[in-house]
Amino acid sequence: MQAHQSAKGGHDEFVVDNVNRESKSIILLHNLLLIEHVKHNLFNDLINALVESPTSIRGNTFISNESVILNFLEILC
């Protein structure tokens, strides 16, 4: 989250340089694919969890993680 905030604010080029130099974008893409796989296989359970309790950590974790990773990749590119 800190890396995302630093890159988004343009405060620290170290974050962007380090992610690019260490090829960490591959790990971010892997995480996105994993989240997509889990959502695809457990979509009904995820929707039911969100309907039962909109503030459920279990249901919101996938959505928030996916949006943070996507936004971070967008900032890096």
N, C-alpha and C. Protein backbone atom coordinates (compact mmCIF):
# COMPACT_ATOMS: atom_id res chain seq x y z
N MET A 1 0.82 -1.19 0.00
CA MET A 1 0.00 0.00 0.00
C MET A 1 0.87 1.26 0.00
N GLN A 2 1.96 1.22 0.75
CA GLN A 2 2.84 2.38 0.79
C GLN A 2 3.48 2.63 -0.57
N ALA A 3 3.88 1.54 -1.24
CA ALA A 3 4.47 1.69 -2.57
C ALA A 3 3.45 2.29 -3.53
N HIS A 4 2.22 1.88 -3.41
CA HIS A 4 1.15 2.41 -4.26
C HIS A 4 0.97 3.90 -4.01
N GLN A 5 0.90 4.30 -2.74
CA GLN A 5 0.73 5.71 -2.42
C GLN A 5 1.91 6.56 -2.89
N SER A 6 3.10 6.05 -2.73
CA SER A 6 4.29 6.80 -3.17
C SER A 6 4.31 6.95 -4.68
N ALA A 7 4.00 5.89 -5.39
CA ALA A 7 4.00 5.96 -6.85
C ALA A 7 2.87 6.85 -7.35
N LYS A 8 1.71 6.75 -6.73
CA LYS A 8 0.56 7.55 -7.15
C LYS A 8 0.82 9.03 -6.94
N GLY A 9 1.43 9.36 -5.81
CA GLY A 9 1.70 10.76 -5.52
C GLY A 9 2.90 11.32 -6.24
N GLY A 10 3.68 10.44 -6.87
CA GLY A 10 4.88 10.89 -7.57
C GLY A 10 5.95 11.38 -6.62
N HIS A 11 5.87 10.95 -5.36
CA HIS A 11 6.81 11.40 -4.34
C HIS A 11 8.15 10.70 -4.42
N ASP A 12 8.11 9.46 -4.85
CA ASP A 12 9.34 8.67 -4.75
C ASP A 12 9.52 7.83 -6.01
N GLU A 13 10.46 8.20 -6.83
CA GLU A 13 10.74 7.42 -8.04
C GLU A 13 11.43 6.11 -7.70
N PHE A 14 11.94 5.99 -6.48
CA PHE A 14 12.59 4.75 -6.06
C PHE A 14 11.64 3.57 -6.19
N VAL A 15 10.37 3.77 -5.84
CA VAL A 15 9.39 2.69 -5.89
C VAL A 15 9.22 2.19 -7.32
N VAL A 16 9.00 3.10 -8.25
CA VAL A 16 8.81 2.73 -9.65
C VAL A 16 10.07 2.08 -10.20
N ASP A 17 11.23 2.67 -9.92
CA ASP A 17 12.49 2.11 -10.40
C ASP A 17 12.74 0.71 -9.85
N ASN A 18 12.46 0.53 -8.57
CA ASN A 18 12.70 -0.76 -7.93
C ASN A 18 11.76 -1.83 -8.49
N VAL A 19 10.51 -1.50 -8.67
CA VAL A 19 9.55 -2.47 -9.23
C VAL A 19 9.99 -2.87 -10.64
N ASN A 20 10.40 -1.91 -11.43
CA ASN A 20 10.84 -2.22 -12.79
C ASN A 20 12.16 -2.98 -12.82
N ARG A 21 13.09 -2.59 -11.98
CA ARG A 21 14.41 -3.23 -11.97
C ARG A 21 14.34 -4.66 -11.46
N GLU A 22 13.55 -4.90 -10.46
CA GLU A 22 13.46 -6.23 -9.86
C GLU A 22 12.39 -7.11 -10.51
N SER A 23 11.78 -6.63 -11.57
CA SER A 23 10.74 -7.37 -12.30
C SER A 23 9.60 -7.81 -11.38
N LYS A 24 9.20 -6.93 -10.50
CA LYS A 24 8.11 -7.23 -9.58
C LYS A 24 6.75 -7.14 -10.27
N SER A 25 6.71 -6.54 -11.45
CA SER A 25 5.43 -6.45 -12.16
C SER A 25 4.92 -7.84 -12.53
N ILE A 26 5.82 -8.80 -12.72
CA ILE A 26 5.40 -10.18 -13.00
C ILE A 26 4.65 -10.75 -11.81
N ILE A 27 5.11 -10.43 -10.61
CA ILE A 27 4.43 -10.90 -9.40
C ILE A 27 3.06 -10.25 -9.28
N LEU A 28 2.97 -8.97 -9.61
CA LEU A 28 1.68 -8.29 -9.58
C LEU A 28 0.71 -8.90 -10.58
N LEU A 29 1.20 -9.21 -11.77
CA LEU A 29 0.34 -9.86 -12.76
C LEU A 29 -0.09 -11.25 -12.31
N HIS A 30 0.83 -11.98 -11.68
CA HIS A 30 0.49 -13.30 -11.15
C HIS A 30 -0.62 -13.18 -10.11
N ASN A 31 -0.51 -12.18 -9.24
CA ASN A 31 -1.55 -11.97 -8.22
C ASN A 31 -2.89 -11.63 -8.85
N LEU A 32 -2.87 -10.83 -9.90
CA LEU A 32 -4.12 -10.51 -10.60
C LEU A 32 -4.75 -11.76 -11.21
N LEU A 33 -3.93 -12.60 -11.82
CA LEU A 33 -4.46 -13.84 -12.40
C LEU A 33 -5.01 -14.77 -11.32
N LEU A 34 -4.35 -14.81 -10.19
CA LEU A 34 -4.82 -15.64 -9.09
C LEU A 34 -6.15 -15.13 -8.54
N ILE A 35 -6.26 -13.82 -8.38
CA ILE A 35 -7.52 -13.23 -7.92
C ILE A 35 -8.63 -13.52 -8.92
N GLU A 36 -8.32 -13.38 -10.21
CA GLU A 36 -9.32 -13.65 -11.25
C GLU A 36 -9.75 -15.12 -11.21
N HIS A 37 -8.81 -16.02 -11.02
CA HIS A 37 -9.12 -17.44 -10.94
C HIS A 37 -10.04 -17.74 -9.75
N VAL A 38 -9.71 -17.16 -8.61
CA VAL A 38 -10.53 -17.38 -7.42
C VAL A 38 -11.92 -16.80 -7.62
N LYS A 39 -12.00 -15.59 -8.19
CA LYS A 39 -13.31 -14.99 -8.45
C LYS A 39 -14.13 -15.84 -9.42
N HIS A 40 -13.48 -16.37 -10.43
CA HIS A 40 -14.18 -17.18 -11.42
C HIS A 40 -14.73 -18.47 -10.80
N ASN A 41 -13.94 -19.11 -9.96
CA ASN A 41 -14.35 -20.38 -9.37
C ASN A 41 -15.25 -20.22 -8.15
N LEU A 42 -15.14 -19.11 -7.47
CA LEU A 42 -15.92 -18.91 -6.25
C LEU A 42 -16.86 -17.71 -6.34
N PHE A 43 -17.24 -17.34 -7.55
CA PHE A 43 -18.03 -16.13 -7.76
C PHE A 43 -19.34 -16.16 -6.97
N ASN A 44 -20.07 -17.27 -7.02
CA ASN A 44 -21.34 -17.35 -6.30
C ASN A 44 -21.14 -17.21 -4.81
N ASP A 45 -20.12 -17.85 -4.27
CA ASP A 45 -19.83 -17.73 -2.84
C ASP A 45 -19.44 -16.30 -2.48
N LEU A 46 -18.69 -15.65 -3.36
CA LEU A 46 -18.27 -14.28 -3.13
C LEU A 46 -19.48 -13.34 -3.11
N ILE A 47 -20.38 -13.50 -4.06
CA ILE A 47 -21.58 -12.67 -4.12
C ILE A 47 -22.45 -12.92 -2.89
N ASN A 48 -22.62 -14.18 -2.51
CA ASN A 48 -23.42 -14.49 -1.32
C ASN A 48 -22.82 -13.87 -0.06
N ALA A 49 -21.51 -13.90 0.05
CA ALA A 49 -20.85 -13.30 1.22
C ALA A 49 -21.07 -11.80 1.25
N LEU A 50 -21.04 -11.15 0.08
CA LEU A 50 -21.26 -9.71 0.03
C LEU A 50 -22.72 -9.35 0.31
N VAL A 51 -23.65 -10.21 -0.13
CA VAL A 51 -25.07 -9.95 0.11
C VAL A 51 -25.40 -10.14 1.59
N GLU A 52 -24.85 -11.19 2.18
CA GLU A 52 -25.12 -11.47 3.60
C GLU A 52 -24.56 -10.38 4.50
N SER A 53 -23.37 -9.94 4.19
CA SER A 53 -22.73 -8.92 5.01
C SER A 53 -21.86 -8.04 4.12
N PRO A 54 -22.39 -6.88 3.72
CA PRO A 54 -21.64 -5.99 2.82
C PRO A 54 -20.29 -5.55 3.37
N THR A 55 -20.11 -5.61 4.67
CA THR A 55 -18.84 -5.19 5.27
C THR A 55 -17.94 -6.39 5.55
N SER A 56 -18.30 -7.54 4.98
CA SER A 56 -17.53 -8.75 5.20
C SER A 56 -16.12 -8.60 4.64
N ILE A 57 -15.14 -8.90 5.48
CA ILE A 57 -13.74 -8.84 5.04
C ILE A 57 -13.49 -9.89 3.96
N ARG A 58 -14.08 -11.05 4.14
CA ARG A 58 -13.88 -12.14 3.19
C ARG A 58 -14.32 -11.73 1.78
N GLY A 59 -15.45 -11.09 1.66
CA GLY A 59 -15.95 -10.70 0.35
C GLY A 59 -15.24 -9.50 -0.24
N ASN A 60 -14.90 -8.55 0.59
CA ASN A 60 -14.30 -7.31 0.10
C ASN A 60 -12.81 -7.43 -0.18
N THR A 61 -12.14 -8.43 0.37
CA THR A 61 -10.70 -8.57 0.21
C THR A 61 -10.31 -8.72 -1.25
N PHE A 62 -11.01 -9.60 -1.97
CA PHE A 62 -10.67 -9.82 -3.38
C PHE A 62 -10.89 -8.57 -4.21
N ILE A 63 -11.98 -7.89 -3.95
CA ILE A 63 -12.30 -6.69 -4.73
C ILE A 63 -11.29 -5.58 -4.47
N SER A 64 -10.97 -5.34 -3.20
CA SER A 64 -10.04 -4.26 -2.89
C SER A 64 -8.62 -4.59 -3.36
N ASN A 65 -8.18 -5.82 -3.18
CA ASN A 65 -6.84 -6.20 -3.65
C ASN A 65 -6.72 -6.06 -5.15
N GLU A 66 -7.74 -6.50 -5.85
CA GLU A 66 -7.70 -6.41 -7.31
C GLU A 66 -7.63 -4.95 -7.76
N SER A 67 -8.42 -4.09 -7.15
CA SER A 67 -8.42 -2.69 -7.57
C SER A 67 -7.10 -1.99 -7.24
N VAL A 68 -6.50 -2.32 -6.10
CA VAL A 68 -5.21 -1.71 -5.74
C VAL A 68 -4.11 -2.15 -6.70
N ILE A 69 -4.07 -3.44 -7.02
CA ILE A 69 -3.04 -3.95 -7.93
C ILE A 69 -3.22 -3.36 -9.33
N LEU A 70 -4.46 -3.31 -9.80
CA LEU A 70 -4.71 -2.73 -11.13
C LEU A 70 -4.30 -1.27 -11.18
N ASN A 71 -4.65 -0.51 -10.15
CA ASN A 71 -4.29 0.89 -10.12
C ASN A 71 -2.79 1.08 -10.04
N PHE A 72 -2.11 0.25 -9.27
CA PHE A 72 -0.65 0.33 -9.13
C PHE A 72 0.02 0.04 -10.48
N LEU A 73 -0.47 -0.98 -11.19
CA LEU A 73 0.09 -1.27 -12.52
C LEU A 73 -0.16 -0.13 -13.49
N GLU A 74 -1.32 0.49 -13.38
CA GLU A 74 -1.62 1.62 -14.24
C GLU A 74 -0.67 2.78 -13.97
N ILE A 75 -0.37 3.04 -12.71
CA ILE A 75 0.55 4.10 -12.34
C ILE A 75 1.96 3.79 -12.85
N LEU A 76 2.37 2.52 -12.74
CA LEU A 76 3.71 2.14 -13.18
C LEU A 76 3.90 2.28 -14.68
N CYS A 77 2.84 2.05 -15.42
CA CYS A 77 2.94 2.12 -16.89
C CYS A 77 2.76 3.54 -17.31
